[in-house]
PDB file of N, CA and C in Angstrom:
ATOM      1  N   MET A   1     -71.237  44.643  42.470  1.00  0.00           N
ATOM      2  CA  MET A   1     -69.977  44.498  41.760  1.00  0.00           C
ATOM      3  C   MET A   1     -70.277  44.119  40.307  1.00  0.00           C
ATOM      4  N   GLY A   2     -69.830  44.911  39.371  1.00  0.00           N
ATOM      5  CA  GLY A   2     -70.090  44.675  37.960  1.00  0.00           C
ATOM      6  C   GLY A   2     -68.962  43.896  37.303  1.00  0.00           C
ATOM      7  N   LEU A   3     -69.101  43.730  36.025  1.00  0.00           N
ATOM      8  CA  LEU A   3     -68.062  43.041  35.257  1.00  0.00           C
ATOM      9  C   LEU A   3     -66.843  43.931  35.124  1.00  0.00           C
ATOM     10  N   GLN A   4     -65.689  43.329  35.158  1.00  0.00           N
ATOM     11  CA  GLN A   4     -64.467  44.077  34.923  1.00  0.00           C
ATOM     12  C   GLN A   4     -64.365  44.387  33.440  1.00  0.00           C
ATOM     13  N   ARG A   5     -63.634  45.417  33.141  1.00  0.00           N
ATOM     14  CA  ARG A   5     -63.443  45.801  31.745  1.00  0.00           C
ATOM     15  C   ARG A   5     -62.841  44.631  30.964  1.00  0.00           C
ATOM     16  N   GLY A   6     -63.444  44.283  29.859  1.00  0.00           N
ATOM     17  CA  GLY A   6     -62.945  43.204  29.022  1.00  0.00           C
ATOM     18  C   GLY A   6     -63.429  41.823  29.439  1.00  0.00           C
ATOM     19  N   ALA A   7     -64.184  41.730  30.532  1.00  0.00           N
ATOM     20  CA  ALA A   7     -64.689  40.426  30.979  1.00  0.00           C
ATOM     21  C   ALA A   7     -65.840  39.986  30.084  1.00  0.00           C
ATOM     22  N   VAL A   8     -65.981  38.680  29.948  1.00  0.00           N
ATOM     23  CA  VAL A   8     -67.039  38.116  29.131  1.00  0.00           C
ATOM     24  C   VAL A   8     -68.108  37.548  30.052  1.00  0.00           C
ATOM     25  N   LYS A   9     -69.355  37.916  29.810  1.00  0.00           N
ATOM     26  CA  LYS A   9     -70.431  37.421  30.668  1.00  0.00           C
ATOM     27  C   LYS A   9     -70.838  36.014  30.263  1.00  0.00           C
ATOM     28  N   ASP A  10     -71.272  35.795  29.060  1.00  0.00           N
ATOM     29  CA  ASP A  10     -71.679  34.494  28.542  1.00  0.00           C
ATOM     30  C   ASP A  10     -71.485  34.482  27.032  1.00  0.00           C
ATOM     31  N   MET A  11     -71.479  33.273  26.462  1.00  0.00           N
ATOM     32  CA  MET A  11     -71.356  33.141  25.021  1.00  0.00           C
ATOM     33  C   MET A  11     -72.510  33.902  24.382  1.00  0.00           C
ATOM     34  N   ARG A  12     -72.211  34.778  23.484  1.00  0.00           N
ATOM     35  CA  ARG A  12     -73.211  35.694  22.953  1.00  0.00           C
ATOM     36  C   ARG A  12     -73.983  35.153  21.760  1.00  0.00           C
ATOM     37  N   ARG A  13     -73.386  34.238  21.037  1.00  0.00           N
ATOM     38  CA  ARG A  13     -74.028  33.733  19.824  1.00  0.00           C
ATOM     39  C   ARG A  13     -73.948  32.229  19.791  1.00  0.00           C
ATOM     40  N   ASP A  14     -74.861  31.663  19.033  1.00  0.00           N
ATOM     41  CA  ASP A  14     -74.767  30.226  18.776  1.00  0.00           C
ATOM     42  C   ASP A  14     -73.527  29.971  17.920  1.00  0.00           C
ATOM     43  N   ILE A  15     -73.059  28.745  17.951  1.00  0.00           N
ATOM     44  CA  ILE A  15     -71.981  28.315  17.070  1.00  0.00           C
ATOM     45  C   ILE A  15     -72.651  27.545  15.946  1.00  0.00           C
ATOM     46  N   ASN A  16     -72.404  27.938  14.714  1.00  0.00           N
ATOM     47  CA  ASN A  16     -73.026  27.308  13.544  1.00  0.00           C
ATOM     48  C   ASN A  16     -71.969  26.949  12.521  1.00  0.00           C
ATOM     49  N   TRP A  17     -72.171  25.807  11.866  1.00  0.00           N
ATOM     50  CA  TRP A  17     -71.329  25.453  10.736  1.00  0.00           C
ATOM     51  C   TRP A  17     -72.081  24.449   9.863  1.00  0.00           C
ATOM     52  N   VAL A  18     -71.576  24.275   8.655  1.00  0.00           N
ATOM     53  CA  VAL A  18     -72.121  23.284   7.725  1.00  0.00           C
ATOM     54  C   VAL A  18     -71.108  22.157   7.624  1.00  0.00           C
ATOM     55  N   ALA A  19     -71.559  20.946   7.882  1.00  0.00           N
ATOM     56  CA  ALA A  19     -70.688  19.774   7.831  1.00  0.00           C
ATOM     57  C   ALA A  19     -71.006  18.956   6.579  1.00  0.00           C
ATOM     58  N   LYS A  20     -70.002  18.267   6.102  1.00  0.00           N
ATOM     59  CA  LYS A  20     -70.155  17.453   4.893  1.00  0.00           C
ATOM     60  C   LYS A  20     -69.851  16.004   5.234  1.00  0.00           C
ATOM     61  N   ARG A  21     -70.734  15.117   4.798  1.00  0.00           N
ATOM     62  CA  ARG A  21     -70.536  13.677   5.015  1.00  0.00           C
ATOM     63  C   ARG A  21     -69.665  13.101   3.909  1.00  0.00           C
ATOM     64  N   ASP A  22     -69.229  11.863   4.107  1.00  0.00           N
ATOM     65  CA  ASP A  22     -68.400  11.189   3.099  1.00  0.00           C
ATOM     66  C   ASP A  22     -69.120  11.049   1.764  1.00  0.00           C
ATOM     67  N   ASP A  23     -70.457  10.900   1.802  1.00  0.00           N
ATOM     68  CA  ASP A  23     -71.211  10.735   0.553  1.00  0.00           C
ATOM     69  C   ASP A  23     -71.480  12.073  -0.151  1.00  0.00           C
ATOM     70  N   GLY A  24     -70.984  13.186   0.413  1.00  0.00           N
ATOM     71  CA  GLY A  24     -71.135  14.489  -0.217  1.00  0.00           C
ATOM     72  C   GLY A  24     -72.333  15.280   0.285  1.00  0.00           C
ATOM     73  N   SER A  25     -73.232  14.641   1.022  1.00  0.00           N
ATOM     74  CA  SER A  25     -74.385  15.373   1.548  1.00  0.00           C
ATOM     75  C   SER A  25     -73.938  16.291   2.680  1.00  0.00           C
ATOM     76  N   ARG A  26     -74.718  17.328   2.894  1.00  0.00           N
ATOM     77  CA  ARG A  26     -74.365  18.328   3.896  1.00  0.00           C
ATOM     78  C   ARG A  26     -75.466  18.446   4.940  1.00  0.00           C
ATOM     79  N   TYR A  27     -75.073  18.928   6.115  1.00  0.00           N
ATOM     80  CA  TYR A  27     -76.042  19.200   7.165  1.00  0.00           C
ATOM     81  C   TYR A  27     -75.557  20.372   8.011  1.00  0.00           C
ATOM     82  N   ASP A  28     -76.505  21.099   8.562  1.00  0.00           N
ATOM     83  CA  ASP A  28     -76.201  22.233   9.428  1.00  0.00           C
ATOM     84  C   ASP A  28     -76.065  21.754  10.864  1.00  0.00           C
ATOM     85  N   VAL A  29     -75.144  22.366  11.581  1.00  0.00           N
ATOM     86  CA  VAL A  29     -74.956  22.080  13.011  1.00  0.00           C
ATOM     87  C   VAL A  29     -75.071  23.414  13.747  1.00  0.00           C
ATOM     88  N   ARG A  30     -75.822  23.398  14.834  1.00  0.00           N
ATOM     89  CA  ARG A  30     -75.954  24.575  15.678  1.00  0.00           C
ATOM     90  C   ARG A  30     -75.740  24.127  17.120  1.00  0.00           C
ATOM     91  N   VAL A  31     -74.893  24.857  17.848  1.00  0.00           N
ATOM     92  CA  VAL A  31     -74.641  24.557  19.255  1.00  0.00           C
ATOM     93  C   VAL A  31     -74.995  25.800  20.055  1.00  0.00           C
ATOM     94  N   THR A  32     -75.846  25.618  21.048  1.00  0.00           N
ATOM     95  CA  THR A  32     -76.236  26.724  21.912  1.00  0.00           C
ATOM     96  C   THR A  32     -75.759  26.458  23.336  1.00  0.00           C
ATOM     97  N   TRP A  33     -75.494  27.532  24.047  1.00  0.00           N
ATOM     98  CA  TRP A  33     -75.115  27.477  25.462  1.00  0.00           C
ATOM     99  C   TRP A  33     -76.297  28.047  26.234  1.00  0.00           C
ATOM    100  N   PHE A  34     -76.908  27.222  27.057  1.00  0.00           N
ATOM    101  CA  PHE A  34     -78.052  27.688  27.826  1.00  0.00           C
ATOM    102  C   PHE A  34     -78.042  27.030  29.194  1.00  0.00           C
ATOM    103  N   SER A  35     -78.178  27.840  30.204  1.00  0.00           N
ATOM    104  CA  SER A  35     -78.292  27.361  31.576  1.00  0.00           C
ATOM    105  C   SER A  35     -77.130  26.438  31.971  1.00  0.00           C
ATOM    106  N   GLY A  36     -75.926  26.810  31.525  1.00  0.00           N
ATOM    107  CA  GLY A  36     -74.733  26.083  31.934  1.00  0.00           C
ATOM    108  C   GLY A  36     -74.419  24.814  31.175  1.00  0.00           C
ATOM    109  N   SER A  37     -75.089  24.579  30.054  1.00  0.00           N
ATOM    110  CA  SER A  37     -74.772  23.389  29.261  1.00  0.00           C
ATOM    111  C   SER A  37     -74.948  23.671  27.770  1.00  0.00           C
ATOM    112  N   TYR A  38     -74.303  22.842  26.977  1.00  0.00           N
ATOM    113  CA  TYR A  38     -74.377  22.968  25.521  1.00  0.00           C
ATOM    114  C   TYR A  38     -75.458  22.057  24.977  1.00  0.00           C
ATOM    115  N   LYS A  39     -76.103  22.518  23.919  1.00  0.00           N
ATOM    116  CA  LYS A  39     -77.118  21.718  23.244  1.00  0.00           C
ATOM    117  C   LYS A  39     -76.788  21.711  21.751  1.00  0.00           C
ATOM    118  N   PHE A  40     -76.621  20.508  21.203  1.00  0.00           N
ATOM    119  CA  PHE A  40     -76.356  20.339  19.768  1.00  0.00           C
ATOM    120  C   PHE A  40     -77.674  20.170  19.030  1.00  0.00           C
ATOM    121  N   GLN A  41     -77.750  20.782  17.851  1.00  0.00           N
ATOM    122  CA  GLN A  41     -78.911  20.646  16.984  1.00  0.00           C
ATOM    123  C   GLN A  41     -78.411  20.421  15.562  1.00  0.00           C
ATOM    124  N   PHE A  42     -79.110  19.576  14.838  1.00  0.00           N
ATOM    125  CA  PHE A  42     -78.705  19.219  13.478  1.00  0.00           C
ATOM    126  C   PHE A  42     -79.877  19.374  12.533  1.00  0.00           C
ATOM    127  N   LYS A  43     -79.573  19.768  11.278  1.00  0.00           N
ATOM    128  CA  LYS A  43     -80.618  19.853  10.267  1.00  0.00           C
ATOM    129  C   LYS A  43     -80.021  19.457   8.929  1.00  0.00           C
ATOM    130  N   ASP A  44     -80.565  18.404   8.344  1.00  0.00           N
ATOM    131  CA  ASP A  44     -80.123  17.992   7.013  1.00  0.00           C
ATOM    132  C   ASP A  44     -80.570  19.020   5.990  1.00  0.00           C
ATOM    133  N   LYS A  45     -79.796  19.165   4.923  1.00  0.00           N
ATOM    134  CA  LYS A  45     -80.166  20.098   3.868  1.00  0.00           C
ATOM    135  C   LYS A  45     -81.541  19.719   3.326  1.00  0.00           C
ATOM    136  N   GLY A  46     -82.399  20.694   3.208  1.00  0.00           N
ATOM    137  CA  GLY A  46     -83.742  20.473   2.711  1.00  0.00           C
ATOM    138  C   GLY A  46     -84.757  20.165   3.799  1.00  0.00           C
ATOM    139  N   ALA A  47     -84.299  19.853   4.996  1.00  0.00           N
ATOM    140  CA  ALA A  47     -85.211  19.563   6.108  1.00  0.00           C
ATOM    141  C   ALA A  47     -85.778  20.875   6.643  1.00  0.00           C
ATOM    142  N   THR A  48     -86.950  20.800   7.232  1.00  0.00           N
ATOM    143  CA  THR A  48     -87.564  21.997   7.789  1.00  0.00           C
ATOM    144  C   THR A  48     -87.390  22.100   9.300  1.00  0.00           C
ATOM    145  N   ARG A  49     -87.106  20.979   9.942  1.00  0.00           N
ATOM    146  CA  ARG A  49     -86.990  20.975  11.401  1.00  0.00           C
ATOM    147  C   ARG A  49     -85.595  20.548  11.855  1.00  0.00           C
ATOM    148  N   TRP A  50     -85.208  21.084  13.007  1.00  0.00           N
ATOM    149  CA  TRP A  50     -83.941  20.711  13.616  1.00  0.00           C
ATOM    150  C   TRP A  50     -84.103  19.406  14.372  1.00  0.00           C
ATOM    151  N   ASP A  51     -83.046  18.573  14.355  1.00  0.00           N
ATOM    152  CA  ASP A  51     -83.007  17.301  15.080  1.00  0.00           C
ATOM    153  C   ASP A  51     -82.228  17.526  16.381  1.00  0.00           C
ATOM    154  N   TYR A  52     -82.896  17.339  17.503  1.00  0.00           N
ATOM    155  CA  TYR A  52     -82.288  17.574  18.810  1.00  0.00           C
ATOM    156  C   TYR A  52     -81.738  16.293  19.443  1.00  0.00           C
ATOM    157  N   ASP A  53     -81.970  15.149  18.814  1.00  0.00           N
ATOM    158  CA  ASP A  53     -81.603  13.863  19.403  1.00  0.00           C
ATOM    159  C   ASP A  53     -80.349  13.232  18.815  1.00  0.00           C
ATOM    160  N   ARG A  54     -79.921  13.670  17.665  1.00  0.00           N
ATOM    161  CA  ARG A  54     -78.757  13.086  17.007  1.00  0.00           C
ATOM    162  C   ARG A  54     -77.495  13.340  17.828  1.00  0.00           C
ATOM    163  N   LYS A  55     -76.625  12.367  17.858  1.00  0.00           N
ATOM    164  CA  LYS A  55     -75.348  12.488  18.556  1.00  0.00           C
ATOM    165  C   LYS A  55     -74.306  13.089  17.613  1.00  0.00           C
ATOM    166  N   PRO A  56     -73.487  14.002  18.104  1.00  0.00           N
ATOM    167  CA  PRO A  56     -72.438  14.589  17.260  1.00  0.00           C
ATOM    168  C   PRO A  56     -71.399  13.547  16.843  1.00  0.00           C
ATOM    169  N   SER A  57     -70.903  13.683  15.625  1.00  0.00           N
ATOM    170  CA  SER A  57     -69.827  12.812  15.142  1.00  0.00           C
ATOM    171  C   SER A  57     -68.501  13.300  15.738  1.00  0.00           C
ATOM    172  N   ALA A  58     -67.462  12.516  15.572  1.00  0.00           N
ATOM    173  CA  ALA A  58     -66.134  12.917  16.048  1.00  0.00           C
ATOM    174  C   ALA A  58     -65.694  14.228  15.387  1.00  0.00           C
ATOM    175  N   GLU A  59     -66.013  14.389  14.110  1.00  0.00           N
ATOM    176  CA  GLU A  59     -65.661  15.625  13.406  1.00  0.00           C
ATOM    177  C   GLU A  59     -66.458  16.806  13.956  1.00  0.00           C
ATOM    178  N   ASP A  60     -67.725  16.581  14.318  1.00  0.00           N
ATOM    179  CA  ASP A  60     -68.536  17.646  14.922  1.00  0.00           C
ATOM    180  C   ASP A  60     -67.933  18.093  16.243  1.00  0.00           C
ATOM    181  N   TRP A  61     -67.503  17.118  17.062  1.00  0.00           N
ATOM    182  CA  TRP A  61     -66.883  17.456  18.344  1.00  0.00           C
ATOM    183  C   TRP A  61     -65.612  18.269  18.131  1.00  0.00           C
ATOM    184  N   GLU A  62     -64.805  17.872  17.163  1.00  0.00           N
ATOM    185  CA  GLU A  62     -63.555  18.576  16.896  1.00  0.00           C
ATOM    186  C   GLU A  62     -63.823  20.009  16.424  1.00  0.00           C
ATOM    187  N   THR A  63     -64.792  20.180  15.534  1.00  0.00           N
ATOM    188  CA  THR A  63     -65.142  21.511  15.045  1.00  0.00           C
ATOM    189  C   THR A  63     -65.663  22.378  16.185  1.00  0.00           C
ATOM    190  N   PHE A  64     -66.500  21.792  17.023  1.00  0.00           N
ATOM    191  CA  PHE A  64     -67.063  22.503  18.175  1.00  0.00           C
ATOM    192  C   PHE A  64     -65.958  22.979  19.122  1.00  0.00           C
ATOM    193  N   LEU A  65     -65.044  22.086  19.494  1.00  0.00           N
ATOM    194  CA  LEU A  65     -63.975  22.454  20.418  1.00  0.00           C
ATOM    195  C   LEU A  65     -63.077  23.532  19.814  1.00  0.00           C
ATOM    196  N   ASP A  66     -62.764  23.408  18.535  1.00  0.00           N
ATOM    197  CA  ASP A  66     -61.949  24.413  17.861  1.00  0.00           C
ATOM    198  C   ASP A  66     -62.642  25.776  17.903  1.00  0.00           C
ATOM    199  N   ALA A  67     -63.948  25.807  17.670  1.00  0.00           N
ATOM    200  CA  ALA A  67     -64.701  27.062  17.676  1.00  0.00           C
ATOM    201  C   ALA A  67     -64.701  27.693  19.064  1.00  0.00           C
ATOM    202  N   ILE A  68     -64.897  26.893  20.097  1.00  0.00           N
ATOM    203  CA  ILE A  68     -64.908  27.420  21.460  1.00  0.00           C
ATOM    204  C   ILE A  68     -63.526  27.949  21.844  1.00  0.00           C
ATOM    205  N   GLU A  69     -62.485  27.217  21.489  1.00  0.00           N
ATOM    206  CA  GLU A  69     -61.131  27.677  21.812  1.00  0.00           C
ATOM    207  C   GLU A  69     -60.814  28.996  21.117  1.00  0.00           C
ATOM    208  N   ARG A  70     -61.225  29.136  19.867  1.00  0.00           N
ATOM    209  CA  ARG A  70     -61.007  30.396  19.150  1.00  0.00           C
ATOM    210  C   ARG A  70     -61.807  31.528  19.787  1.00  0.00           C
ATOM    211  N   ARG A  71     -63.042  31.248  20.167  1.00  0.00           N
ATOM    212  CA  ARG A  71     -63.860  32.279  20.827  1.00  0.00           C
ATOM    213  C   ARG A  71     -63.263  32.688  22.166  1.00  0.00           C
ATOM    214  N   TYR A  72     -62.748  31.732  22.889  1.00  0.00           N
ATOM    215  CA  TYR A  72     -62.157  32.049  24.191  1.00  0.00           C
ATOM    216  C   TYR A  72     -60.958  32.986  24.033  1.00  0.00           C
ATOM    217  N   THR A  73     -60.102  32.710  23.059  1.00  0.00           N
ATOM    218  CA  THR A  73     -58.923  33.567  22.869  1.00  0.00           C
ATOM    219  C   THR A  73     -59.318  34.973  22.428  1.00  0.00           C
ATOM    220  N   ARG A  74     -60.494  35.128  21.806  1.00  0.00           N
ATOM    221  CA  ARG A  74     -60.986  36.452  21.391  1.00  0.00           C
ATOM    222  C   ARG A  74     -61.912  37.071  22.439  1.00  0.00           C
ATOM    223  N   LYS A  75     -61.993  36.430  23.618  1.00  0.00           N
ATOM    224  CA  LYS A  75     -62.837  36.888  24.723  1.00  0.00           C
ATOM    225  C   LYS A  75     -64.316  36.918  24.346  1.00  0.00           C
ATOM    226  N   GLN A  76     -64.724  35.945  23.525  1.00  0.00           N
ATOM    227  CA  GLN A  76     -66.129  35.814  23.150  1.00  0.00           C
ATOM    228  C   GLN A  76     -66.770  34.600  23.812  1.00  0.00           C
ATOM    229  N   ALA A  77     -66.021  33.898  24.651  1.00  0.00           N
ATOM    230  CA  ALA A  77     -66.527  32.780  25.448  1.00  0.00           C
ATOM    231  C   ALA A  77     -65.838  32.841  26.805  1.00  0.00           C
ATOM    232  N   THR A  78     -66.527  32.386  27.824  1.00  0.00           N
ATOM    233  CA  THR A  78     -65.966  32.421  29.171  1.00  0.00           C
ATOM    234  C   THR A  78     -65.097  31.194  29.427  1.00  0.00           C
ATOM    235  N   TYR A  79     -64.309  31.279  30.483  1.00  0.00           N
ATOM    236  CA  TYR A  79     -63.490  30.143  30.891  1.00  0.00           C
ATOM    237  C   TYR A  79     -64.382  28.957  31.252  1.00  0.00           C
ATOM    238  N   LYS A  80     -65.494  29.219  31.900  1.00  0.00           N
ATOM    239  CA  LYS A  80     -66.442  28.159  32.266  1.00  0.00           C
ATOM    240  C   LYS A  80     -66.954  27.435  31.019  1.00  0.00           C
ATOM    241  N   GLU A  81     -67.249  28.175  29.963  1.00  0.00           N
ATOM    242  CA  GLU A  81     -67.723  27.565  28.716  1.00  0.00           C
ATOM    243  C   GLU A  81     -66.629  26.715  28.074  1.00  0.00           C
ATOM    244  N   LEU A  82     -65.400  27.202  28.122  1.00  0.00           N
ATOM    245  CA  LEU A  82     -64.277  26.454  27.578  1.00  0.00           C
ATOM    246  C   LEU A  82     -64.060  25.154  28.351  1.00  0.00           C
ATOM    247  N   VAL A  83     -64.070  25.235  29.674  1.00  0.00           N
ATOM    248  CA  VAL A  83     -63.867  24.045  30.502  1.00  0.00           C
ATOM    249  C   VAL A  83     -64.974  23.026  30.260  1.00  0.00           C
ATOM    250  N   GLU A  84     -66.210  23.483  30.180  1.00  0.00           N
ATOM    251  CA  GLU A  84     -67.337  22.568  29.933  1.00  0.00           C
ATOM    252  C   GLU A  84     -67.216  21.926  28.551  1.00  0.00           C
ATOM    253  N   ALA A  85     -66.797  22.698  27.558  1.00  0.00           N
ATOM    254  CA  ALA A  85     -66.613  22.146  26.210  1.00  0.00           C
ATOM    255  C   ALA A  85     -65.544  21.055  26.210  1.00  0.00           C
ATOM    256  N   ARG A  86     -64.425  21.315  26.862  1.00  0.00           N
ATOM    257  CA  ARG A  86     -63.347  20.320  26.923  1.00  0.00           C
ATOM    258  C   ARG A  86     -63.795  19.076  27.682  1.00  0.00           C
ATOM    259  N   ARG A  87     -64.550  19.270  28.756  1.00  0.00           N
ATOM    260  CA  ARG A  87     -65.054  18.133  29.526  1.00  0.00           C
ATOM    261  C   ARG A  87     -65.981  17.271  28.666  1.00  0.00           C
ATOM    262  N   LEU A  88     -66.875  17.924  27.932  1.00  0.00           N
ATOM    263  CA  LEU A  88     -67.795  17.185  27.058  1.00  0.00           C
ATOM    264  C   LEU A  88     -67.051  16.400  25.994  1.00  0.00           C
ATOM    265  N   VAL A  89     -66.076  17.025  25.375  1.00  0.00           N
ATOM    266  CA  VAL A  89     -65.315  16.347  24.317  1.00  0.00           C
ATOM    267  C   VAL A  89     -64.552  15.165  24.908  1.00  0.00           C
ATOM    268  N   ASP A  90     -63.937  15.355  26.077  1.00  0.00           N
ATOM    269  CA  ASP A  90     -63.220  14.252  26.721  1.00  0.00           C
ATOM    270  C   ASP A  90     -64.164  13.112  27.083  1.00  0.00           C
ATOM    271  N   GLN A  91     -65.348  13.459  27.533  1.00  0.00           N
ATOM    272  CA  GLN A  91     -66.315  12.465  27.980  1.00  0.00           C
ATOM    273  C   GLN A  91     -67.033  11.791  26.826  1.00  0.00           C
ATOM    274  N   GLU A  92     -67.425  12.550  25.821  1.00  0.00           N
ATOM    275  CA  GLU A  92     -68.305  12.015  24.785  1.00  0.00           C
ATOM    276  C   GLU A  92     -67.722  12.032  23.385  1.00  0.00           C
ATOM    277  N   GLY A  93     -66.896  13.021  23.111  1.00  0.00           N
ATOM    278  CA  GLY A  93     -66.503  13.260  21.738  1.00  0.00           C
ATOM    279  C   GLY A  93     -65.387  12.409  21.210  1.00  0.00           C
ATOM    280  N   GLN A  94     -64.313  12.306  21.974  1.00  0.00           N
ATOM    281  CA  GLN A  94     -63.134  11.590  21.518  1.00  0.00           C
ATOM    282  C   GLN A  94     -62.786  11.946  20.068  1.00  0.00           C
ATOM    283  N   PRO A  95     -62.486  13.249  19.815  1.00  0.00           N
ATOM    284  CA  PRO A  95     -62.154  13.622  18.447  1.00  0.00           C
ATOM    285  C   PRO A  95     -60.844  12.991  18.005  1.00  0.00           C
ATOM    286  N   PRO A  96     -60.624  12.890  16.701  1.00  0.00           N
ATOM    287  CA  PRO A  96     -59.366  12.342  16.213  1.00  0.00           C
ATOM    288  C   PRO A  96     -58.201  13.218  16.662  1.00  0.00           C
ATOM    289  N   ALA A  97     -57.050  12.621  16.863  1.00  0.00           N
ATOM    290  CA  ALA A  97     -55.868  13.369  17.306  1.00  0.00           C
ATOM    291  C   ALA A  97     -55.493  14.395  16.257  1.00  0.00           C
ATOM    292  N   ARG A  98     -55.121  15.569  16.730  1.00  0.00           N
ATOM    293  CA  ARG A  98     -54.698  16.632  15.801  1.00  0.00           C
ATOM    294  C   ARG A  98     -53.271  16.395  15.367  1.00  0.00           C
ATOM    295  N   SER A  99     -52.980  16.729  14.116  1.00  0.00           N
ATOM    296  CA  SER A  99     -51.621  16.530  13.625  1.00  0.00           C
ATOM    297  C   SER A  99     -50.847  17.809  13.612  1.00  0.00           C
TER     298      SER A  99
END
């Protein structure tokens, strides 16, 4: 049994964005979906290596959830990926309330 027409198998691309801190400095954020879970990676501007241990900020969680929700509506993310993203944000992220 194959995929139905229009069905999404898995998230096809990493989610990437550039975040800005209050002091004006910037850092890259990359989120990958692998083996049923998300992995956040961070890199400060000018750094050569990605940081795999840093915890996402509330703004990072909000940006991540917004990106997944947009991908889901465009059929570029699966329902499972959306549910896992929402679970992670509820458990760890606690983003600021949207207005």
